[in-house]
Amino acid sequence: MSQVHFQPLFAIVRMLLLVFLAAVTFWLADRRWRLVAKFMAEKRTPLDLGVIRIVLMAWLMQTSLSQALVFAQLDPALVYPPTGWGRLALMFPRNQHLIHGAYVVFLVSAVLALIGLWTRVNVPLAAAGAFYLMTIPQLFGKINHGHHLILFAILLAFSPCGDALSVDALLRRRKGTAIPVLERSTKYAAPLNAMIALMGVIYFFPGVWKVARNGLHWFSSSNMQNIIATKLLEGKPNALQSWVLHQPTLLLLASIGTILFEVGWIFFAVNKHSRPFLVVGGLAFHNTTGFLMNIFFAHLQICYVVLVDWGHVYCWLAPGFGRAVEKDGVATTPLASMVSLPFKAVAAVIIAAMVIAGMLHAQAGWPIACYPTFDTADSGTLREVSLQATGTNGGIYRQTLSFDPLLQRQFQAYNWQGMVNLITLPGRPVSEQRVKAIVQLWQAAYHHQDIYAAQVYVDTYDLSKDHSYPFSHKLLANLQLDR
């Protein structure tokens, strides 16, 4: 059963110290510029909520039915519960007919939520459907950290996100009860500010844990080099990636810049005047990381729309299209700014839970979890799972399971590696059932039905040397397979 793995005492002390220093810095900045008061008093337009509703639903509609079905058919021996799930992971319904039905309901509700028809009903339905379909692949050892999309959808479900850019708004306009799209109110700002706070937590704790676990060693070119090099083992590095790996100055600057960006994100986000710079800097950060490490975090990049004041954008663009805009983009009819109590409760619970997950370094949770920290101490080594199998015809098959190209395509690389890596974790008993289930997936993918025996090894390579040959070749399991 999965659990939160407690960090060394020195790392916990460093983390608490860094959180304290960040809190003091924020408090001093707040005393000088009243950041929190201005943040809480912000007023945004229905247009802003409408944009994030459309973007979020469009992205969630990409949720893969085929992936859910593939994982639903896996051997229960491969189930590895997310933190806190325990036996619920084995009990989670994975019936094929239920998945198909849930997908139809989800897709219809997501489309209707996107166009804004019966928004108050369809946004919660889409959020529930996305949670169900996205949960199934998370139950097998690799958490794909797109959980903020579910949390954003939940926040939207408790918000008036259908007041603009929606069919509902058009229908209300015909009745004469439409809300002006540029009317500003705190009830439109509150959901967006909750999302901004969540994004701040998502960035903050990975930055803190990098320093807490590695200390000054994080700020070294060799550490950044090994982090990038290890990630690039998933595929063939391109010319730019190979070049950067041999630029110590750039690697050192990258290590410093990463911490400044992640820890400092929330400081820029609470000030509406600095958000345009944060949008540019954040997108540049993620795309640079993507080009160097093939990790673009596109599902996080799309959320940068919450930082943009679309009411101001509309006021700026509208005159060019011959549209009249009221001064300052504010309609003349006053709008109640009351934020609903259910929304406040839900937002408070979600943000508090994410803060706790961040402080606990709980990366293996779902849908509450610390975002990937990339804070593993630089060991300079790589562990891989390899296989040697014997067929009834005397043939010998050898394969590196960790980066098997066919299985990486079938399950997606990060999911497959997550499943395989679970059997290599040091200090844990080896589950022969899990190892056997992994081998049987390989056997089925390559149609090697003649295999009757297999030996599975953990190979350890030294990244500082030619890693064509492992310096450790340890037998993990000796299996007899059904013919």
Protein backbone atom coordinates (compact mmCIF):
# COMPACT_ATOMS: atom_id res chain seq x y z
CA MET A 1 0.00 0.00 0.00
CA SER A 2 1.29 3.46 -0.87
CA GLN A 3 2.22 5.93 1.81
CA VAL A 4 3.87 9.26 2.41
CA HIS A 5 7.60 8.65 2.65
CA PHE A 6 8.98 10.85 5.38
CA GLN A 7 12.01 12.91 4.49
CA PRO A 8 15.27 13.02 6.45
CA LEU A 9 15.19 15.30 9.47
CA PHE A 10 17.66 17.76 7.95
CA ALA A 11 15.42 18.12 4.87
CA ILE A 12 12.33 18.73 7.00
CA VAL A 13 14.15 21.37 9.07
CA ARG A 14 15.40 23.09 5.91
CA MET A 15 11.92 22.97 4.38
CA LEU A 16 10.33 24.53 7.47
CA LEU A 17 13.05 27.19 7.59
CA LEU A 18 12.59 28.05 3.92
CA VAL A 19 8.81 28.22 4.31
CA PHE A 20 9.27 30.49 7.33
CA LEU A 21 11.68 32.78 5.46
CA ALA A 22 9.29 32.94 2.48
CA ALA A 23 6.39 33.74 4.82
CA VAL A 24 8.36 36.52 6.52
CA THR A 25 9.38 37.94 3.14
CA PHE A 26 5.79 37.84 1.96
CA TRP A 27 4.61 39.49 5.21
CA LEU A 28 7.13 42.31 4.81
CA ALA A 29 6.10 42.79 1.18
CA ASP A 30 2.47 42.78 2.23
CA ARG A 31 3.09 45.45 4.86
CA ARG A 32 4.75 47.62 2.25
CA TRP A 33 2.39 47.10 -0.67
CA ARG A 34 -0.76 45.56 0.93
CA LEU A 35 -0.61 42.66 -1.52
CA VAL A 36 -3.13 40.39 0.20
CA ALA A 37 -5.76 43.07 0.76
CA LYS A 38 -5.56 44.19 -2.86
CA PHE A 39 -5.59 40.57 -4.05
CA MET A 40 -8.70 39.75 -2.04
CA ALA A 41 -10.46 42.95 -3.12
CA GLU A 42 -9.81 42.43 -6.83
CA LYS A 43 -12.76 42.60 -9.19
CA ARG A 44 -12.81 40.66 -12.41
CA THR A 45 -15.36 40.27 -15.18
CA PRO A 46 -17.64 37.38 -16.22
CA LEU A 47 -15.52 37.34 -19.38
CA ASP A 48 -12.49 36.16 -17.38
CA LEU A 49 -14.37 33.20 -15.93
CA GLY A 50 -15.86 32.39 -19.32
CA VAL A 51 -12.41 32.15 -20.90
CA ILE A 52 -11.05 29.71 -18.32
CA ARG A 53 -14.24 27.63 -18.56
CA ILE A 54 -13.82 27.28 -22.33
CA VAL A 55 -10.07 26.58 -22.18
CA LEU A 56 -10.39 24.06 -19.34
CA MET A 57 -13.26 22.13 -20.90
CA ALA A 58 -11.52 22.07 -24.29
CA TRP A 59 -8.43 20.59 -22.63
CA LEU A 60 -10.35 18.05 -20.53
CA MET A 61 -12.13 16.82 -23.66
CA GLN A 62 -8.78 15.37 -24.72
CA THR A 63 -9.05 12.85 -21.87
CA SER A 64 -8.37 9.50 -23.52
CA LEU A 65 -11.00 6.78 -23.47
CA SER A 66 -8.55 4.27 -24.95
CA GLN A 67 -6.01 4.90 -22.22
CA ALA A 68 -8.60 4.37 -19.51
CA LEU A 69 -9.66 1.11 -21.17
CA VAL A 70 -6.07 -0.12 -21.54
CA PHE A 71 -5.32 0.43 -17.86
CA ALA A 72 -8.67 -0.97 -16.75
CA GLN A 73 -7.69 -4.36 -18.21
CA LEU A 74 -4.38 -4.62 -16.35
CA ASP A 75 -3.67 -7.32 -13.80
CA PRO A 76 -4.75 -6.20 -10.29
CA ALA A 77 -1.24 -7.16 -9.17
CA LEU A 78 -0.04 -3.99 -10.91
CA VAL A 79 -2.30 -1.71 -8.87
CA TYR A 80 -0.28 0.64 -6.67
CA PRO A 81 -2.59 2.92 -4.65
CA PRO A 82 -2.00 6.67 -4.67
CA THR A 83 -1.20 8.10 -1.26
CA GLY A 84 -4.16 7.73 1.07
CA TRP A 85 -6.18 5.45 -1.21
CA GLY A 86 -5.31 2.08 0.32
CA ARG A 87 -7.82 -0.63 -0.66
CA LEU A 88 -9.98 1.94 -2.46
CA ALA A 89 -7.62 1.61 -5.42
CA LEU A 90 -8.49 -2.08 -5.84
CA MET A 91 -12.18 -1.35 -5.30
CA PHE A 92 -12.29 1.51 -7.80
CA PRO A 93 -14.71 0.46 -10.59
CA ARG A 94 -12.94 -0.44 -13.84
CA ASN A 95 -15.77 -2.15 -15.69
CA GLN A 96 -15.47 -1.64 -19.46
CA HIS A 97 -19.17 -0.87 -19.94
CA LEU A 98 -19.12 1.63 -17.07
CA ILE A 99 -16.09 3.36 -18.58
CA HIS A 100 -17.79 3.66 -21.96
CA GLY A 101 -20.95 5.04 -20.36
CA ALA A 102 -19.03 7.47 -18.16
CA TYR A 103 -17.09 8.69 -21.18
CA VAL A 104 -20.27 9.45 -23.13
CA VAL A 105 -21.74 11.40 -20.20
CA PHE A 106 -18.44 13.19 -19.67
CA LEU A 107 -17.98 14.14 -23.31
CA VAL A 108 -21.54 15.44 -23.72
CA SER A 109 -21.37 17.43 -20.48
CA ALA A 110 -17.92 18.84 -21.36
CA VAL A 111 -19.14 20.00 -24.78
CA LEU A 112 -22.23 21.62 -23.23
CA ALA A 113 -20.11 23.20 -20.50
CA LEU A 114 -17.71 24.54 -23.13
CA ILE A 115 -20.51 26.28 -25.04
CA GLY A 116 -22.12 27.27 -21.77
CA LEU A 117 -25.47 25.52 -21.98
CA TRP A 118 -26.96 24.54 -18.61
CA THR A 119 -23.57 25.42 -17.22
CA ARG A 120 -24.36 24.89 -13.55
CA VAL A 121 -25.27 21.27 -14.27
CA ASN A 122 -22.73 20.38 -16.93
CA VAL A 123 -19.57 21.79 -15.34
CA PRO A 124 -19.95 19.54 -12.24
CA LEU A 125 -20.80 16.56 -14.48
CA ALA A 126 -17.73 17.20 -16.64
CA ALA A 127 -15.55 17.54 -13.53
CA ALA A 128 -16.86 14.24 -12.11
CA GLY A 129 -16.43 12.44 -15.44
CA ALA A 130 -12.89 13.75 -15.91
CA PHE A 131 -11.99 12.68 -12.38
CA TYR A 132 -13.26 9.14 -12.99
CA LEU A 133 -11.57 8.67 -16.36
CA MET A 134 -8.29 10.30 -15.32
CA THR A 135 -8.12 8.32 -12.07
CA ILE A 136 -7.89 4.87 -13.65
CA PRO A 137 -4.34 5.32 -15.10
CA GLN A 138 -3.20 6.83 -11.77
CA LEU A 139 -3.79 3.54 -9.93
CA PHE A 140 -0.74 1.74 -11.37
CA GLY A 141 2.25 3.51 -9.87
CA LYS A 142 2.73 6.65 -11.97
CA ILE A 143 0.87 9.79 -10.97
CA ASN A 144 0.46 12.10 -13.96
CA HIS A 145 0.31 15.48 -12.32
CA GLY A 146 -2.63 17.01 -14.11
CA HIS A 147 -4.70 16.99 -10.94
CA HIS A 148 -4.93 20.78 -10.88
CA LEU A 149 -7.27 20.51 -13.89
CA ILE A 150 -9.71 18.51 -11.77
CA LEU A 151 -9.37 21.00 -8.91
CA PHE A 152 -9.95 23.95 -11.26
CA ALA A 153 -13.06 22.23 -12.63
CA ILE A 154 -14.38 21.76 -9.10
CA LEU A 155 -13.82 25.46 -8.37
CA LEU A 156 -15.64 26.36 -11.59
CA ALA A 157 -18.54 24.12 -10.56
CA PHE A 158 -19.12 26.41 -7.55
CA SER A 159 -18.69 29.63 -9.54
CA PRO A 160 -20.85 31.74 -11.91
CA CYS A 161 -18.70 30.69 -14.88
CA GLY A 162 -21.63 30.69 -17.30
CA ASP A 163 -22.38 34.41 -17.04
CA ALA A 164 -20.42 35.23 -20.21
CA LEU A 165 -19.29 33.54 -23.43
CA SER A 166 -22.13 31.05 -23.04
CA VAL A 167 -25.45 30.00 -24.49
CA ASP A 168 -26.93 30.59 -21.03
CA ALA A 169 -25.88 34.25 -21.25
CA LEU A 170 -27.46 34.58 -24.70
CA LEU A 171 -30.73 33.10 -23.42
CA ARG A 172 -30.71 35.50 -20.47
CA ARG A 173 -30.08 38.40 -22.85
CA ARG A 174 -33.23 37.49 -24.75
CA LYS A 175 -35.10 37.65 -21.44
CA GLY A 176 -33.48 40.98 -20.55
CA THR A 177 -31.65 39.52 -17.51
CA ALA A 178 -28.14 39.19 -18.94
CA ILE A 179 -25.15 40.35 -16.91
CA PRO A 180 -22.86 42.77 -18.80
CA VAL A 181 -19.70 40.89 -19.76
CA LEU A 182 -17.53 43.76 -18.49
CA GLU A 183 -19.28 44.17 -15.14
CA ARG A 184 -16.63 43.76 -12.44
CA SER A 185 -17.21 41.94 -9.18
CA THR A 186 -15.28 40.06 -6.51
CA LYS A 187 -17.53 37.04 -7.12
CA TYR A 188 -15.82 36.64 -10.51
CA ALA A 189 -12.37 37.35 -9.12
CA ALA A 190 -12.64 34.86 -6.23
CA PRO A 191 -12.56 31.65 -8.35
CA LEU A 192 -9.71 33.02 -10.46
CA ASN A 193 -7.76 34.07 -7.37
CA ALA A 194 -8.27 30.62 -5.85
CA MET A 195 -6.79 29.11 -9.02
CA ILE A 196 -3.87 31.54 -8.85
CA ALA A 197 -3.26 30.55 -5.22
CA LEU A 198 -3.32 26.87 -6.22
CA MET A 199 -0.79 27.50 -8.96
CA GLY A 200 1.39 29.35 -6.44
CA VAL A 201 1.34 26.27 -4.17
CA ILE A 202 2.05 24.00 -7.15
CA TYR A 203 5.22 25.95 -7.94
CA PHE A 204 6.33 26.88 -4.43
CA PHE A 205 6.88 23.51 -2.77
CA PRO A 206 8.90 21.85 -5.56
CA GLY A 207 11.23 24.86 -5.40
CA VAL A 208 11.50 24.63 -1.62
CA TRP A 209 12.11 20.88 -1.59
CA LYS A 210 14.87 21.12 -4.19
CA VAL A 211 16.90 23.24 -1.79
CA ALA A 212 15.69 21.44 1.35
CA ARG A 213 16.86 18.03 0.15
CA ASN A 214 19.98 19.05 -1.75
CA GLY A 215 21.19 22.21 -0.02
CA LEU A 216 23.83 24.10 -1.95
CA HIS A 217 24.50 21.02 -4.06
CA TRP A 218 21.38 21.88 -6.04
CA PHE A 219 23.18 24.99 -7.30
CA SER A 220 25.77 23.09 -9.26
CA SER A 221 26.15 22.45 -12.95
CA SER A 222 26.83 18.74 -12.39
CA ASN A 223 23.54 18.27 -10.56
CA MET A 224 21.52 19.96 -13.29
CA GLN A 225 23.49 18.04 -15.93
CA ASN A 226 22.58 14.69 -14.37
CA ILE A 227 18.91 15.65 -13.97
CA ILE A 228 18.65 16.57 -17.65
CA ALA A 229 20.76 13.61 -18.82
CA THR A 230 18.65 11.12 -16.86
CA LYS A 231 15.43 12.50 -18.33
CA LEU A 232 16.85 12.39 -21.85
CA LEU A 233 17.53 8.66 -21.55
CA GLU A 234 13.85 8.22 -22.45
CA GLY A 235 14.72 9.12 -26.05
CA LYS A 236 17.54 10.24 -28.30
CA PRO A 237 18.81 13.76 -27.37
CA ASN A 238 18.76 16.33 -30.15
CA ALA A 239 21.67 18.62 -31.01
CA LEU A 240 20.53 21.44 -28.69
CA GLN A 241 20.08 19.12 -25.72
CA SER A 242 23.49 17.52 -26.25
CA TRP A 243 25.10 20.96 -26.50
CA VAL A 244 23.50 22.27 -23.30
CA LEU A 245 24.72 19.25 -21.34
CA HIS A 246 28.27 20.50 -21.90
CA GLN A 247 27.67 24.15 -20.92
CA PRO A 248 28.36 24.37 -17.16
CA THR A 249 27.63 28.09 -16.94
CA LEU A 250 24.21 27.70 -18.51
CA LEU A 251 23.45 24.71 -16.28
CA LEU A 252 24.40 26.68 -13.17
CA LEU A 253 22.20 29.61 -14.23
CA ALA A 254 19.37 27.17 -14.91
CA SER A 255 19.63 25.72 -11.40
CA ILE A 256 19.47 29.20 -9.84
CA GLY A 257 16.72 30.42 -12.16
CA THR A 258 14.56 27.38 -11.44
CA ILE A 259 14.46 28.12 -7.71
CA LEU A 260 13.87 31.84 -8.18
CA PHE A 261 11.01 31.14 -10.58
CA GLU A 262 9.27 28.42 -8.57
CA VAL A 263 9.55 30.04 -5.14
CA GLY A 264 8.95 33.56 -6.44
CA TRP A 265 5.96 32.74 -8.67
CA ILE A 266 3.34 33.52 -6.03
CA PHE A 267 4.95 36.88 -5.19
CA PHE A 268 4.41 38.05 -8.77
CA ALA A 269 1.00 36.41 -9.12
CA VAL A 270 -0.72 38.25 -6.26
CA ASN A 271 0.12 41.61 -7.82
CA LYS A 272 -2.05 42.20 -10.87
CA HIS A 273 0.45 44.67 -12.31
CA SER A 274 3.22 42.07 -12.46
CA ARG A 275 1.09 39.29 -13.96
CA PRO A 276 1.80 40.17 -17.60
CA PHE A 277 5.52 39.71 -16.89
CA LEU A 278 4.76 36.44 -15.11
CA VAL A 279 2.82 35.15 -18.11
CA VAL A 280 5.77 35.84 -20.41
CA GLY A 281 8.32 34.49 -17.93
CA GLY A 282 6.27 31.41 -17.04
CA LEU A 283 5.63 30.37 -20.63
CA ALA A 284 9.30 30.97 -21.44
CA PHE A 285 10.35 28.85 -18.45
CA HIS A 286 8.13 25.90 -19.38
CA ASN A 287 8.99 25.93 -23.06
CA THR A 288 12.71 26.19 -22.32
CA THR A 289 12.34 23.22 -19.97
CA GLY A 290 10.40 21.45 -22.69
CA PHE A 291 13.09 21.95 -25.31
CA LEU A 292 15.82 20.83 -22.89
CA MET A 293 14.09 17.96 -21.07
CA ASN A 294 11.02 17.16 -23.21
CA ILE A 295 8.75 18.21 -20.31
CA PHE A 296 6.48 21.02 -21.45
CA PHE A 297 3.78 20.80 -18.75
CA ALA A 298 1.29 21.98 -21.38
CA HIS A 299 -1.61 21.30 -19.01
CA LEU A 300 -0.09 23.85 -16.64
CA GLN A 301 0.74 26.36 -19.36
CA ILE A 302 -2.89 26.59 -20.47
CA CYS A 303 -3.83 27.68 -16.96
CA TYR A 304 -1.90 30.91 -17.44
CA VAL A 305 -5.11 32.30 -18.94
CA VAL A 306 -6.25 32.96 -15.35
CA LEU A 307 -3.50 35.57 -15.05
CA VAL A 308 -4.79 37.60 -17.99
CA ASP A 309 -7.43 40.29 -17.43
CA TRP A 310 -9.59 39.49 -20.43
CA GLY A 311 -11.89 42.40 -19.64
CA HIS A 312 -9.01 44.79 -20.26
CA VAL A 313 -7.98 42.85 -23.36
CA TYR A 314 -11.52 43.18 -24.71
CA CYS A 315 -11.60 46.93 -23.96
CA TRP A 316 -8.30 47.30 -25.80
CA LEU A 317 -9.34 45.28 -28.86
CA ALA A 318 -13.02 46.16 -29.19
CA PRO A 319 -12.64 49.69 -30.64
CA GLY A 320 -10.61 48.24 -33.48
CA PHE A 321 -13.63 46.14 -34.44
CA GLY A 322 -16.04 49.05 -34.18
CA ARG A 323 -17.41 48.00 -30.80
CA ALA A 324 -18.26 50.64 -28.21
CA VAL A 325 -16.85 50.07 -24.74
CA GLU A 326 -17.77 51.85 -21.53
CA LYS A 327 -15.03 53.80 -19.85
CA ASP A 328 -12.75 51.50 -17.83
CA GLY A 329 -14.76 48.57 -19.12
CA VAL A 330 -17.28 48.86 -16.25
CA ALA A 331 -20.99 48.71 -16.86
CA THR A 332 -23.27 51.21 -15.14
CA THR A 333 -25.47 48.69 -13.34
CA PRO A 334 -23.99 47.70 -9.94
CA LEU A 335 -23.54 43.96 -9.40
CA ALA A 336 -23.64 42.16 -6.07
CA SER A 337 -20.13 41.08 -5.05
CA MET A 338 -21.17 38.37 -2.61
CA VAL A 339 -18.99 35.25 -2.90
CA SER A 340 -21.01 32.15 -2.03
CA LEU A 341 -20.28 30.31 1.20
CA PRO A 342 -20.06 26.87 -0.51
CA PHE A 343 -17.41 28.23 -2.86
CA LYS A 344 -15.41 29.68 0.06
CA ALA A 345 -15.53 26.34 1.88
CA VAL A 346 -14.52 24.29 -1.17
CA ALA A 347 -11.70 26.68 -2.12
CA ALA A 348 -10.35 26.75 1.45
CA VAL A 349 -10.35 22.94 1.72
CA ILE A 350 -8.63 22.44 -1.65
CA ILE A 351 -5.92 25.06 -1.03
CA ALA A 352 -5.27 23.81 2.52
CA ALA A 353 -5.05 20.21 1.30
CA MET A 354 -2.57 21.18 -1.42
CA VAL A 355 -0.43 23.07 1.10
CA ILE A 356 -0.36 20.03 3.40
CA ALA A 357 0.52 17.75 0.47
CA GLY A 358 3.33 20.12 -0.47
CA MET A 359 4.76 20.20 3.04
CA LEU A 360 4.57 16.39 3.24
CA HIS A 361 6.32 15.98 -0.11
CA ALA A 362 3.33 13.81 -1.11
CA GLN A 363 3.98 13.49 -4.84
CA ALA A 364 2.14 10.18 -5.15
CA GLY A 365 -1.32 11.46 -4.21
CA TRP A 366 -4.41 11.91 -6.36
CA PRO A 367 -6.11 14.32 -6.89
CA ILE A 368 -4.35 16.14 -4.04
CA ALA A 369 -0.58 15.97 -4.41
CA CYS A 370 2.68 17.86 -4.40
CA TYR A 371 3.78 18.59 -7.95
CA PRO A 372 6.95 16.78 -9.20
CA THR A 373 9.91 18.19 -7.30
CA PHE A 374 12.84 16.79 -9.33
CA ASP A 375 14.77 16.97 -6.07
CA THR A 376 16.36 13.51 -6.04
CA ALA A 377 19.91 13.73 -4.84
CA ASP A 378 22.45 13.38 -7.65
CA SER A 379 23.72 9.81 -7.35
CA GLY A 380 25.31 9.68 -10.78
CA THR A 381 23.75 6.29 -11.37
CA LEU A 382 20.81 4.88 -13.30
CA ARG A 383 18.76 1.77 -12.48
CA GLU A 384 17.07 -0.19 -15.26
CA VAL A 385 15.05 -3.39 -15.38
CA SER A 386 16.23 -5.97 -17.91
CA LEU A 387 14.83 -9.31 -18.95
CA GLN A 388 16.21 -12.60 -20.21
CA ALA A 389 13.53 -15.05 -21.32
CA THR A 390 13.71 -18.60 -22.65
CA GLY A 391 11.37 -20.07 -25.25
CA THR A 392 10.28 -23.66 -25.75
CA ASN A 393 12.30 -23.76 -28.95
CA GLY A 394 15.46 -22.90 -27.03
CA GLY A 395 15.48 -19.27 -28.17
CA ILE A 396 16.81 -16.61 -25.79
CA TYR A 397 15.20 -13.17 -25.66
CA ARG A 398 16.89 -10.20 -24.03
CA GLN A 399 15.20 -6.86 -23.50
CA THR A 400 15.56 -3.69 -21.43
CA LEU A 401 12.06 -3.36 -20.00
CA SER A 402 12.46 0.13 -18.53
CA PHE A 403 12.65 1.83 -21.93
CA ASP A 404 10.92 -0.75 -24.12
CA PRO A 405 9.76 1.25 -27.18
CA LEU A 406 6.64 -0.81 -27.96
CA LEU A 407 5.31 -0.77 -24.40
CA GLN A 408 6.15 2.92 -24.03
CA ARG A 409 3.96 3.62 -27.05
CA GLN A 410 1.17 1.43 -25.74
CA PHE A 411 1.01 2.92 -22.24
CA GLN A 412 2.85 6.22 -22.85
CA ALA A 413 6.47 6.40 -21.74
CA TYR A 414 5.97 7.97 -18.32
CA ASN A 415 3.23 5.50 -17.35
CA TRP A 416 5.21 2.46 -18.42
CA GLN A 417 8.37 3.63 -16.68
CA GLY A 418 6.35 4.34 -13.54
CA MET A 419 5.02 0.78 -13.46
CA VAL A 420 8.45 -0.74 -14.10
CA ASN A 421 10.27 1.52 -11.64
CA LEU A 422 8.11 0.28 -8.77
CA ILE A 423 9.87 -3.08 -8.85
CA THR A 424 13.31 -1.44 -8.56
CA LEU A 425 12.73 0.69 -5.48
CA PRO A 426 15.41 -0.10 -2.89
CA GLY A 427 14.45 -1.18 0.60
CA ARG A 428 11.13 -2.72 -0.45
CA PRO A 429 10.22 -6.40 -0.78
CA VAL A 430 9.92 -7.60 -4.35
CA SER A 431 6.40 -8.60 -5.38
CA GLU A 432 6.83 -11.59 -7.66
CA GLN A 433 3.22 -11.18 -8.83
CA ARG A 434 3.96 -7.60 -9.94
CA VAL A 435 7.16 -8.64 -11.72
CA LYS A 436 5.36 -11.50 -13.44
CA ALA A 437 2.55 -9.19 -14.57
CA ILE A 438 5.12 -6.80 -16.10
CA VAL A 439 6.80 -9.67 -17.97
CA GLN A 440 3.46 -10.93 -19.24
CA LEU A 441 2.70 -7.48 -20.68
CA TRP A 442 5.99 -7.65 -22.57
CA GLN A 443 5.21 -11.21 -23.65
CA ALA A 444 1.79 -10.19 -24.99
CA ALA A 445 3.10 -7.07 -26.74
CA TYR A 446 5.70 -9.07 -28.70
CA HIS A 447 3.52 -12.20 -29.11
CA HIS A 448 6.14 -14.43 -27.47
CA GLN A 449 3.69 -17.09 -26.35
CA ASP A 450 6.43 -19.72 -26.40
CA ILE A 451 8.17 -18.24 -23.33
CA TYR A 452 8.21 -20.60 -20.35
CA ALA A 453 10.88 -19.03 -18.10
CA ALA A 454 12.25 -15.54 -17.47
CA GLN A 455 14.86 -13.92 -15.28
CA VAL A 456 14.39 -10.25 -14.38
CA TYR A 457 17.39 -8.15 -13.31
CA VAL A 458 18.03 -4.69 -11.95
CA ASP A 459 21.00 -3.17 -13.78
CA THR A 460 22.81 -0.15 -12.36
CA TYR A 461 24.86 2.13 -14.61
CA ASP A 462 27.41 4.82 -13.82
CA LEU A 463 26.34 7.94 -15.72
CA SER A 464 29.81 9.46 -15.47
CA LYS A 465 31.23 6.66 -17.60
CA ASP A 466 30.32 4.72 -20.70
CA HIS A 467 27.07 3.12 -19.57
CA SER A 468 26.93 0.46 -22.23
CA TYR A 469 27.56 -2.08 -19.48
CA PRO A 470 26.14 -2.01 -15.93
CA PHE A 471 28.45 -2.15 -12.94
CA SER A 472 25.73 -4.07 -11.07
CA HIS A 473 23.55 -6.85 -12.49
CA LYS A 474 21.27 -8.11 -9.71
CA LEU A 475 18.71 -10.89 -10.11
CA LEU A 476 15.29 -9.61 -9.09
CA ALA A 477 13.06 -12.60 -9.89
CA ASN A 478 13.27 -16.03 -11.50
CA LEU A 479 9.89 -16.74 -13.07
CA GLN A 480 8.13 -19.77 -14.51
CA LEU A 481 5.47 -18.61 -16.99
CA ASP A 482 2.30 -20.32 -18.08
CA ARG A 483 2.47 -21.75 -21.58
